[in-house]
C-alpha cells in the first residue's frame, strides 16, 4: 500500500522557519516507509501502535527516559518501538530474560 506518511513520494518535508508560503523547508527520507514510498499492512499497524503508545506516554507526562527505565529497555529501543521499527513485547521479554 502507498505510504500514508509521504503519500508515496519517498520523502517528507518539515518546515524549519517562516510561513507555509515563504518558509524554509527541510526534505528528508520518509521514516515511516524508509524512503520506499510503500508500506506493508503489518508495518503500518506497527507504526500506528507505536504512535498510540507515544501519545499515551505524552498524555501521562512521562519522558521517554522514564518510560524506558520503567520498561527495562534503552531509550533507543523505546524510540524504535514508538516509530514502528521494533516490537515492544520482544524488547521487554528479552530484557526480562537477561
PDB file of N, CA and C in Angstrom:
ATOM      1  N   UNK A   1       0.836  -1.174   0.000  1.00  0.00           N
ATOM      2  CA  UNK A   1       0.000   0.000   0.000  1.00  0.00           C
ATOM      3  C   UNK A   1       0.881   1.238   0.000  1.00  0.00           C
ATOM      4  N   UNK A   2       0.395   2.328  -0.515  1.00  0.00           N
ATOM      5  CA  UNK A   2       1.151   3.577  -0.555  1.00  0.00           C
ATOM      6  C   UNK A   2       1.323   4.092   0.866  1.00  0.00           C
ATOM      7  N   UNK A   3       2.515   4.575   1.166  1.00  0.00           N
ATOM      8  CA  UNK A   3       2.829   5.072   2.499  1.00  0.00           C
ATOM      9  C   UNK A   3       1.947   6.275   2.839  1.00  0.00           C
ATOM     10  N   UNK A   4       1.216   6.212   3.970  1.00  0.00           N
ATOM     11  CA  UNK A   4       0.387   7.351   4.357  1.00  0.00           C
ATOM     12  C   UNK A   4       1.221   8.542   4.838  1.00  0.00           C
ATOM     13  N   UNK A   5       2.467   8.292   5.222  1.00  0.00           N
ATOM     14  CA  UNK A   5       3.318   9.374   5.720  1.00  0.00           C
ATOM     15  C   UNK A   5       3.781  10.317   4.623  1.00  0.00           C
ATOM     16  N   UNK A   6       4.296   9.751   3.521  1.00  0.00           N
ATOM     17  CA  UNK A   6       4.831  10.580   2.430  1.00  0.00           C
ATOM     18  C   UNK A   6       3.948  10.538   1.187  1.00  0.00           C
ATOM     19  N   UNK A   7       2.866   9.777   1.241  1.00  0.00           N
ATOM     20  CA  UNK A   7       1.936   9.622   0.122  1.00  0.00           C
ATOM     21  C   UNK A   7       2.641   9.066  -1.120  1.00  0.00           C
ATOM     22  N   UNK A   8       3.642   8.201  -0.888  1.00  0.00           N
ATOM     23  CA  UNK A   8       4.344   7.556  -1.987  1.00  0.00           C
ATOM     24  C   UNK A   8       5.486   8.364  -2.567  1.00  0.00           C
ATOM     25  N   UNK A   9       5.747   9.558  -2.038  1.00  0.00           N
ATOM     26  CA  UNK A   9       6.805  10.418  -2.577  1.00  0.00           C
ATOM     27  C   UNK A   9       8.207  10.043  -2.106  1.00  0.00           C
ATOM     28  N   UNK A  10       8.322   9.131  -1.151  1.00  0.00           N
ATOM     29  CA  UNK A  10       9.585   8.661  -0.585  1.00  0.00           C
ATOM     30  C   UNK A  10      10.294   9.714   0.256  1.00  0.00           C
ATOM     31  N   UNK A  11       9.748  10.912   0.306  1.00  0.00           N
ATOM     32  CA  UNK A  11      10.329  11.985   1.094  1.00  0.00           C
ATOM     33  C   UNK A  11       9.237  12.661   1.907  1.00  0.00           C
ATOM     34  N   UNK A  12       9.637  13.269   2.990  1.00  0.00           N
ATOM     35  CA  UNK A  12       8.722  14.059   3.787  1.00  0.00           C
ATOM     36  C   UNK A  12       9.362  15.427   3.978  1.00  0.00           C
ATOM     37  N   UNK A  13       8.569  16.390   4.351  1.00  0.00           N
ATOM     38  CA  UNK A  13       9.047  17.756   4.484  1.00  0.00           C
ATOM     39  C   UNK A  13       8.729  18.267   5.872  1.00  0.00           C
ATOM     40  N   UNK A  14       9.649  19.020   6.414  1.00  0.00           N
ATOM     41  CA  UNK A  14       9.443  19.636   7.717  1.00  0.00           C
ATOM     42  C   UNK A  14       9.800  21.107   7.592  1.00  0.00           C
ATOM     43  N   UNK A  15       8.885  21.983   7.978  1.00  0.00           N
ATOM     44  CA  UNK A  15       9.152  23.413   7.918  1.00  0.00           C
ATOM     45  C   UNK A  15      10.001  23.801   9.118  1.00  0.00           C
ATOM     46  N   UNK A  16      11.133  24.471   8.869  1.00  0.00           N
ATOM     47  CA  UNK A  16      12.006  24.846   9.971  1.00  0.00           C
ATOM     48  C   UNK A  16      11.983  26.343  10.263  1.00  0.00           C
ATOM     49  N   UNK A  17      11.405  27.158   9.382  1.00  0.00           N
ATOM     50  CA  UNK A  17      11.303  28.598   9.635  1.00  0.00           C
ATOM     51  C   UNK A  17      10.320  29.212   8.650  1.00  0.00           C
ATOM     52  N   UNK A  18       9.833  30.402   8.984  1.00  0.00           N
ATOM     53  CA  UNK A  18       8.979  31.151   8.081  1.00  0.00           C
ATOM     54  C   UNK A  18       7.526  30.722   8.105  1.00  0.00           C
ATOM     55  N   UNK A  19       6.824  31.085   7.038  1.00  0.00           N
ATOM     56  CA  UNK A  19       5.410  30.773   6.902  1.00  0.00           C
ATOM     57  C   UNK A  19       5.241  29.645   5.895  1.00  0.00           C
ATOM     58  N   UNK A  20       4.070  29.012   5.865  1.00  0.00           N
ATOM     59  CA  UNK A  20       3.859  27.939   4.888  1.00  0.00           C
ATOM     60  C   UNK A  20       4.048  28.381   3.436  1.00  0.00           C
ATOM     61  N   UNK A  21       3.852  29.665   3.151  1.00  0.00           N
ATOM     62  CA  UNK A  21       4.005  30.152   1.784  1.00  0.00           C
ATOM     63  C   UNK A  21       5.461  30.503   1.485  1.00  0.00           C
ATOM     64  N   UNK A  22       6.138  31.141   2.432  1.00  0.00           N
ATOM     65  CA  UNK A  22       7.517  31.597   2.207  1.00  0.00           C
ATOM     66  C   UNK A  22       8.409  31.164   3.364  1.00  0.00           C
ATOM     67  N   UNK A  23       8.534  29.873   3.543  1.00  0.00           N
ATOM     68  CA  UNK A  23       9.335  29.375   4.654  1.00  0.00           C
ATOM     69  C   UNK A  23      10.547  28.604   4.179  1.00  0.00           C
ATOM     70  N   UNK A  24      11.304  28.143   5.148  1.00  0.00           N
ATOM     71  CA  UNK A  24      12.455  27.299   4.875  1.00  0.00           C
ATOM     72  C   UNK A  24      12.041  25.877   5.222  1.00  0.00           C
ATOM     73  N   UNK A  25      12.190  24.981   4.269  1.00  0.00           N
ATOM     74  CA  UNK A  25      11.744  23.611   4.443  1.00  0.00           C
ATOM     75  C   UNK A  25      12.928  22.655   4.366  1.00  0.00           C
ATOM     76  N   UNK A  26      12.853  21.596   5.103  1.00  0.00           N
ATOM     77  CA  UNK A  26      13.885  20.565   5.113  1.00  0.00           C
ATOM     78  C   UNK A  26      13.247  19.269   4.598  1.00  0.00           C
ATOM     79  N   UNK A  27      13.764  18.733   3.512  1.00  0.00           N
ATOM     80  CA  UNK A  27      13.260  17.471   2.970  1.00  0.00           C
ATOM     81  C   UNK A  27      14.123  16.344   3.483  1.00  0.00           C
ATOM     82  N   UNK A  28      13.515  15.242   3.857  1.00  0.00           N
ATOM     83  CA  UNK A  28      14.247  14.093   4.366  1.00  0.00           C
ATOM     84  C   UNK A  28      13.544  12.809   3.933  1.00  0.00           C
ATOM     85  N   UNK A  29      14.291  11.716   3.988  1.00  0.00           N
ATOM     86  CA  UNK A  29      13.730  10.412   3.628  1.00  0.00           C
ATOM     87  C   UNK A  29      12.621  10.082   4.624  1.00  0.00           C
ATOM     88  N   UNK A  30      11.502   9.621   4.131  1.00  0.00           N
ATOM     89  CA  UNK A  30      10.360   9.296   4.983  1.00  0.00           C
ATOM     90  C   UNK A  30      10.743   8.184   5.964  1.00  0.00           C
ATOM     91  N   UNK A  31      10.521   8.435   7.254  1.00  0.00           N
ATOM     92  CA  UNK A  31      10.829   7.443   8.289  1.00  0.00           C
ATOM     93  C   UNK A  31       9.816   6.303   8.312  1.00  0.00           C
ATOM     94  N   UNK A  32       8.604   6.598   7.925  1.00  0.00           N
ATOM     95  CA  UNK A  32       7.540   5.591   8.022  1.00  0.00           C
ATOM     96  C   UNK A  32       7.741   4.449   7.036  1.00  0.00           C
ATOM     97  N   UNK A  33       8.215   4.760   5.821  1.00  0.00           N
ATOM     98  CA  UNK A  33       8.413   3.725   4.806  1.00  0.00           C
ATOM     99  C   UNK A  33       9.889   3.500   4.480  1.00  0.00           C
ATOM    100  N   UNK A  34      10.779   4.170   5.206  1.00  0.00           N
ATOM    101  CA  UNK A  34      12.231   4.097   4.966  1.00  0.00           C
ATOM    102  C   UNK A  34      12.591   4.527   3.545  1.00  0.00           C
ATOM    103  N   UNK A  35      11.834   5.458   3.007  1.00  0.00           N
ATOM    104  CA  UNK A  35      12.138   6.006   1.693  1.00  0.00           C
ATOM    105  C   UNK A  35      11.730   5.147   0.511  1.00  0.00           C
ATOM    106  N   UNK A  36      10.889   4.144   0.732  1.00  0.00           N
ATOM    107  CA  UNK A  36      10.463   3.289  -0.378  1.00  0.00           C
ATOM    108  C   UNK A  36       9.165   3.765  -1.023  1.00  0.00           C
ATOM    109  N   UNK A  37       8.369   4.530  -0.281  1.00  0.00           N
ATOM    110  CA  UNK A  37       7.091   5.003  -0.802  1.00  0.00           C
ATOM    111  C   UNK A  37       5.937   4.049  -0.560  1.00  0.00           C
ATOM    112  N   UNK A  38       6.236   2.850  -0.063  1.00  0.00           N
ATOM    113  CA  UNK A  38       5.195   1.857   0.206  1.00  0.00           C
ATOM    114  C   UNK A  38       5.418   1.232   1.585  1.00  0.00           C
ATOM    115  N   UNK A  39       4.345   0.763   2.188  1.00  0.00           N
ATOM    116  CA  UNK A  39       4.428   0.052   3.467  1.00  0.00           C
ATOM    117  C   UNK A  39       3.530  -1.176   3.399  1.00  0.00           C
ATOM    118  N   UNK A  40       3.902  -2.178   4.161  1.00  0.00           N
ATOM    119  CA  UNK A  40       3.044  -3.356   4.279  1.00  0.00           C
ATOM    120  C   UNK A  40       1.982  -3.057   5.321  1.00  0.00           C
ATOM    121  N   UNK A  41       0.862  -3.752   5.296  1.00  0.00           N
ATOM    122  CA  UNK A  41      -0.151  -3.541   6.330  1.00  0.00           C
ATOM    123  C   UNK A  41       0.408  -3.786   7.734  1.00  0.00           C
ATOM    124  N   UNK A  42       1.328  -4.749   7.870  1.00  0.00           N
ATOM    125  CA  UNK A  42       1.920  -5.037   9.184  1.00  0.00           C
ATOM    126  C   UNK A  42       2.787  -3.878   9.666  1.00  0.00           C
ATOM    127  N   UNK A  43       3.580  -3.311   8.772  1.00  0.00           N
ATOM    128  CA  UNK A  43       4.428  -2.180   9.122  1.00  0.00           C
ATOM    129  C   UNK A  43       3.585  -0.967   9.495  1.00  0.00           C
ATOM    130  N   UNK A  44       2.519  -0.752   8.744  1.00  0.00           N
ATOM    131  CA  UNK A  44       1.637   0.371   9.044  1.00  0.00           C
ATOM    132  C   UNK A  44       0.969   0.183  10.405  1.00  0.00           C
ATOM    133  N   UNK A  45       0.546  -1.040  10.714  1.00  0.00           N
ATOM    134  CA  UNK A  45      -0.080  -1.313  12.017  1.00  0.00           C
ATOM    135  C   UNK A  45       0.919  -1.104  13.149  1.00  0.00           C
ATOM    136  N   UNK A  46       2.178  -1.529  12.946  1.00  0.00           N
ATOM    137  CA  UNK A  46       3.209  -1.336  13.968  1.00  0.00           C
ATOM    138  C   UNK A  46       3.463   0.144  14.196  1.00  0.00           C
ATOM    139  N   UNK A  47       3.488   0.938  13.130  1.00  0.00           N
ATOM    140  CA  UNK A  47       3.705   2.375  13.261  1.00  0.00           C
ATOM    141  C   UNK A  47       2.550   3.018  14.032  1.00  0.00           C
ATOM    142  N   UNK A  48       1.326   2.641  13.692  1.00  0.00           N
ATOM    143  CA  UNK A  48       0.162   3.206  14.380  1.00  0.00           C
ATOM    144  C   UNK A  48       0.154   2.817  15.856  1.00  0.00           C
ATOM    145  N   UNK A  49       0.522   1.577  16.173  1.00  0.00           N
ATOM    146  CA  UNK A  49       0.583   1.125  17.560  1.00  0.00           C
ATOM    147  C   UNK A  49       1.634   1.927  18.333  1.00  0.00           C
ATOM    148  N   UNK A  50       2.782   2.156  17.726  1.00  0.00           N
ATOM    149  CA  UNK A  50       3.832   2.938  18.371  1.00  0.00           C
ATOM    150  C   UNK A  50       3.419   4.373  18.599  1.00  0.00           C
ATOM    151  N   UNK A  51       2.735   4.969  17.624  1.00  0.00           N
ATOM    152  CA  UNK A  51       2.275   6.347  17.779  1.00  0.00           C
ATOM    153  C   UNK A  51       1.236   6.460  18.889  1.00  0.00           C
ATOM    154  N   UNK A  52       0.364   5.467  18.978  1.00  0.00           N
ATOM    155  CA  UNK A  52      -0.640   5.457  20.040  1.00  0.00           C
ATOM    156  C   UNK A  52       0.032   5.365  21.415  1.00  0.00           C
ATOM    157  N   UNK A  53       1.031   4.495  21.523  1.00  0.00           N
ATOM    158  CA  UNK A  53       1.757   4.355  22.785  1.00  0.00           C
ATOM    159  C   UNK A  53       2.483   5.651  23.132  1.00  0.00           C
ATOM    160  N   UNK A  54       3.081   6.306  22.136  1.00  0.00           N
ATOM    161  CA  UNK A  54       3.773   7.575  22.361  1.00  0.00           C
ATOM    162  C   UNK A  54       2.783   8.632  22.845  1.00  0.00           C
ATOM    163  N   UNK A  55       1.625   8.702  22.207  1.00  0.00           N
ATOM    164  CA  UNK A  55       0.602   9.669  22.619  1.00  0.00           C
ATOM    165  C   UNK A  55       0.174   9.437  24.066  1.00  0.00           C
ATOM    166  N   UNK A  56       0.001   8.167  24.459  1.00  0.00           N
ATOM    167  CA  UNK A  56      -0.369   7.851  25.851  1.00  0.00           C
ATOM    168  C   UNK A  56       0.743   8.264  26.811  1.00  0.00           C
ATOM    169  N   UNK A  57       2.001   7.997  26.430  1.00  0.00           N
ATOM    170  CA  UNK A  57       3.137   8.372  27.278  1.00  0.00           C
ATOM    171  C   UNK A  57       3.184   9.884  27.476  1.00  0.00           C
ATOM    172  N   UNK A  58       2.962  10.615  26.415  1.00  0.00           N
ATOM    173  CA  UNK A  58       2.986  12.080  26.495  1.00  0.00           C
ATOM    174  C   UNK A  58       1.821  12.598  27.330  1.00  0.00           C
ATOM    175  N   UNK A  59       0.638  11.997  27.172  1.00  0.00           N
ATOM    176  CA  UNK A  59      -0.517  12.417  27.992  1.00  0.00           C
ATOM    177  C   UNK A  59      -0.262  12.179  29.483  1.00  0.00           C
ATOM    178  N   UNK A  60       0.518  11.123  29.790  1.00  0.00           N
ATOM    179  CA  UNK A  60       0.878  10.844  31.189  1.00  0.00           C
ATOM    180  C   UNK A  60       1.999  11.757  31.674  1.00  0.00           C
ATOM    181  N   UNK A  61       2.527  12.574  30.749  1.00  0.00           N
ATOM    182  CA  UNK A  61       3.648  13.475  31.054  1.00  0.00           C
ATOM    183  C   UNK A  61       4.881  12.700  31.499  1.00  0.00           C
ATOM    184  N   UNK A  62       5.065  11.539  30.871  1.00  0.00           N
ATOM    185  CA  UNK A  62       6.211  10.698  31.182  1.00  0.00           C
ATOM    186  C   UNK A  62       7.252  10.884  30.079  1.00  0.00           C
ATOM    187  N   UNK A  63       8.484  11.150  30.465  1.00  0.00           N
ATOM    188  CA  UNK A  63       9.545  11.316  29.473  1.00  0.00           C
ATOM    189  C   UNK A  63       9.890   9.964  28.858  1.00  0.00           C
ATOM    190  N   UNK A  64      10.531  10.011  27.702  1.00  0.00           N
ATOM    191  CA  UNK A  64      10.928   8.763  27.053  1.00  0.00           C
ATOM    192  C   UNK A  64      11.966   8.042  27.916  1.00  0.00           C
ATOM    193  N   UNK A  65      12.810   8.795  28.615  1.00  0.00           N
ATOM    194  CA  UNK A  65      13.802   8.169  29.505  1.00  0.00           C
ATOM    195  C   UNK A  65      13.130   7.447  30.662  1.00  0.00           C
ATOM    196  N   UNK A  66      12.151   8.109  31.283  1.00  0.00           N
ATOM    197  CA  UNK A  66      11.451   7.480  32.405  1.00  0.00           C
ATOM    198  C   UNK A  66      10.688   6.233  31.953  1.00  0.00           C
ATOM    199  N   UNK A  67      10.044   6.317  30.794  1.00  0.00           N
ATOM    200  CA  UNK A  67       9.286   5.167  30.285  1.00  0.00           C
ATOM    201  C   UNK A  67      10.222   4.006  29.965  1.00  0.00           C
ATOM    202  N   UNK A  68      11.359   4.295  29.343  1.00  0.00           N
ATOM    203  CA  UNK A  68      12.320   3.239  29.015  1.00  0.00           C
ATOM    204  C   UNK A  68      12.851   2.587  30.289  1.00  0.00           C
ATOM    205  N   UNK A  69      13.155   3.398  31.294  1.00  0.00           N
ATOM    206  CA  UNK A  69      13.642   2.857  32.569  1.00  0.00           C
ATOM    207  C   UNK A  69      12.579   1.956  33.199  1.00  0.00           C
ATOM    208  N   UNK A  70      11.322   2.410  33.183  1.00  0.00           N
ATOM    209  CA  UNK A  70      10.225   1.628  33.756  1.00  0.00           C
ATOM    210  C   UNK A  70      10.057   0.295  33.038  1.00  0.00           C
ATOM    211  N   UNK A  71      10.250   0.288  31.725  1.00  0.00           N
ATOM    212  CA  UNK A  71      10.091  -0.922  30.922  1.00  0.00           C
ATOM    213  C   UNK A  71      11.336  -1.805  30.920  1.00  0.00           C
ATOM    214  N   UNK A  72      12.455  -1.274  31.397  1.00  0.00           N
ATOM    215  CA  UNK A  72      13.688  -2.046  31.424  1.00  0.00           C
ATOM    216  C   UNK A  72      14.360  -2.162  30.063  1.00  0.00           C
ATOM    217  N   UNK A  73      14.178  -1.144  29.213  1.00  0.00           N
ATOM    218  CA  UNK A  73      14.809  -1.133  27.894  1.00  0.00           C
ATOM    219  C   UNK A  73      15.534   0.197  27.720  1.00  0.00           C
ATOM    220  N   UNK A  74      16.307   0.314  26.649  1.00  0.00           N
ATOM    221  CA  UNK A  74      17.022   1.561  26.397  1.00  0.00           C
ATOM    222  C   UNK A  74      16.086   2.585  25.743  1.00  0.00           C
ATOM    223  N   UNK A  75      16.498   3.845  25.801  1.00  0.00           N
ATOM    224  CA  UNK A  75      15.733   4.909  25.148  1.00  0.00           C
ATOM    225  C   UNK A  75      15.664   4.645  23.640  1.00  0.00           C
ATOM    226  N   UNK A  76      16.759   4.185  23.059  1.00  0.00           N
ATOM    227  CA  UNK A  76      16.783   3.896  21.613  1.00  0.00           C
ATOM    228  C   UNK A  76      15.771   2.811  21.250  1.00  0.00           C
ATOM    229  N   UNK A  77      15.671   1.790  22.103  1.00  0.00           N
ATOM    230  CA  UNK A  77      14.712   0.713  21.836  1.00  0.00           C
ATOM    231  C   UNK A  77      13.276   1.223  21.927  1.00  0.00           C
ATOM    232  N   UNK A  78      12.988   2.058  22.914  1.00  0.00           N
ATOM    233  CA  UNK A  78      11.633   2.617  23.031  1.00  0.00           C
ATOM    234  C   UNK A  78      11.338   3.532  21.850  1.00  0.00           C
ATOM    235  N   UNK A  79      12.321   4.296  21.423  1.00  0.00           N
ATOM    236  CA  UNK A  79      12.151   5.159  20.251  1.00  0.00           C
ATOM    237  C   UNK A  79      11.845   4.316  19.016  1.00  0.00           C
ATOM    238  N   UNK A  80      12.568   3.207  18.857  1.00  0.00           N
ATOM    239  CA  UNK A  80      12.297   2.313  17.727  1.00  0.00           C
ATOM    240  C   UNK A  80      10.870   1.775  17.777  1.00  0.00           C
ATOM    241  N   UNK A  81      10.402   1.409  18.967  1.00  0.00           N
ATOM    242  CA  UNK A  81       9.026   0.922  19.096  1.00  0.00           C
ATOM    243  C   UNK A  81       8.030   2.023  18.732  1.00  0.00           C
ATOM    244  N   UNK A  82       8.233   3.222  19.264  1.00  0.00           N
ATOM    245  CA  UNK A  82       7.289   4.318  19.014  1.00  0.00           C
ATOM    246  C   UNK A  82       7.246   4.714  17.547  1.00  0.00           C
ATOM    247  N   UNK A  83       8.292   4.384  16.799  1.00  0.00           N
ATOM    248  CA  UNK A  83       8.323   4.696  15.370  1.00  0.00           C
ATOM    249  C   UNK A  83       8.083   3.479  14.489  1.00  0.00           C
ATOM    250  N   UNK A  84       7.574   2.387  15.100  1.00  0.00           N
ATOM    251  CA  UNK A  84       7.171   1.207  14.336  1.00  0.00           C
ATOM    252  C   UNK A  84       8.299   0.338  13.841  1.00  0.00           C
ATOM    253  N   UNK A  85       9.509   0.505  14.398  1.00  0.00           N
ATOM    254  CA  UNK A  85      10.653  -0.273  13.932  1.00  0.00           C
ATOM    255  C   UNK A  85      10.987  -1.449  14.831  1.00  0.00           C
ATOM    256  N   UNK A  86      10.278  -1.600  15.950  1.00  0.00           N
ATOM    257  CA  UNK A  86      10.570  -2.696  16.873  1.00  0.00           C
ATOM    258  C   UNK A  86       9.279  -3.129  17.557  1.00  0.00           C
ATOM    259  N   UNK A  87       9.268  -4.380  17.998  1.00  0.00           N
ATOM    260  CA  UNK A  87       8.123  -4.948  18.710  1.00  0.00           C
ATOM    261  C   UNK A  87       8.399  -4.833  20.210  1.00  0.00           C
ATOM    262  N   UNK A  88       7.596  -4.064  20.923  1.00  0.00           N
ATOM    263  CA  UNK A  88       7.827  -3.822  22.349  1.00  0.00           C
ATOM    264  C   UNK A  88       7.772  -5.108  23.149  1.00  0.00           C
ATOM    265  N   UNK A  89       6.901  -6.039  22.781  1.00  0.00           N
ATOM    266  CA  UNK A  89       6.800  -7.290  23.533  1.00  0.00           C
ATOM    267  C   UNK A  89       8.127  -8.032  23.496  1.00  0.00           C
ATOM    268  N   UNK A  90       8.747  -8.097  22.308  1.00  0.00           N
ATOM    269  CA  UNK A  90      10.049  -8.772  22.194  1.00  0.00           C
ATOM    270  C   UNK A  90      11.121  -8.039  22.993  1.00  0.00           C
ATOM    271  N   UNK A  91      11.095  -6.708  22.956  1.00  0.00           N
ATOM    272  CA  UNK A  91      12.096  -5.934  23.690  1.00  0.00           C
ATOM    273  C   UNK A  91      11.983  -6.163  25.191  1.00  0.00           C
ATOM    274  N   UNK A  92      10.756  -6.110  25.716  1.00  0.00           N
ATOM    275  CA  UNK A  92      10.600  -6.245  27.164  1.00  0.00           C
ATOM    276  C   UNK A  92      10.810  -7.682  27.612  1.00  0.00           C
ATOM    277  N   UNK A  93      10.417  -8.677  26.822  1.00  0.00           N
ATOM    278  CA  UNK A  93      10.631 -10.067  27.227  1.00  0.00           C
ATOM    279  C   UNK A  93      12.113 -10.411  27.161  1.00  0.00           C
ATOM    280  N   UNK A  94      12.837  -9.808  26.234  1.00  0.00           N
ATOM    281  CA  UNK A  94      14.285 -10.037  26.131  1.00  0.00           C
ATOM    282  C   UNK A  94      14.979  -9.462  27.357  1.00  0.00           C
ATOM    283  N   UNK A  95      14.568  -8.256  27.805  1.00  0.00           N
ATOM    284  CA  UNK A  95      15.217  -7.634  28.949  1.00  0.00           C
ATOM    285  C   UNK A  95      14.890  -8.406  30.248  1.00  0.00           C
ATOM    286  N   UNK A  96      13.713  -9.028  30.315  1.00  0.00           N
ATOM    287  CA  UNK A  96      13.347  -9.813  31.496  1.00  0.00           C
ATOM    288  C   UNK A  96      14.142 -11.113  31.546  1.00  0.00           C
ATOM    289  N   UNK A  97      14.511 -11.652  30.365  1.00  0.00           N
ATOM    290  CA  UNK A  97      15.249 -12.906  30.305  1.00  0.00           C
ATOM    291  C   UNK A  97      16.720 -12.714  30.715  1.00  0.00           C
ATOM    292  N   UNK A  98      17.214 -11.471  30.645  1.00  0.00           N
ATOM    293  CA  UNK A  98      18.620 -11.200  30.986  1.00  0.00           C
ATOM    294  C   UNK A  98      18.881 -11.277  32.455  1.00  0.00           C
TER     295      UNK A  98
END
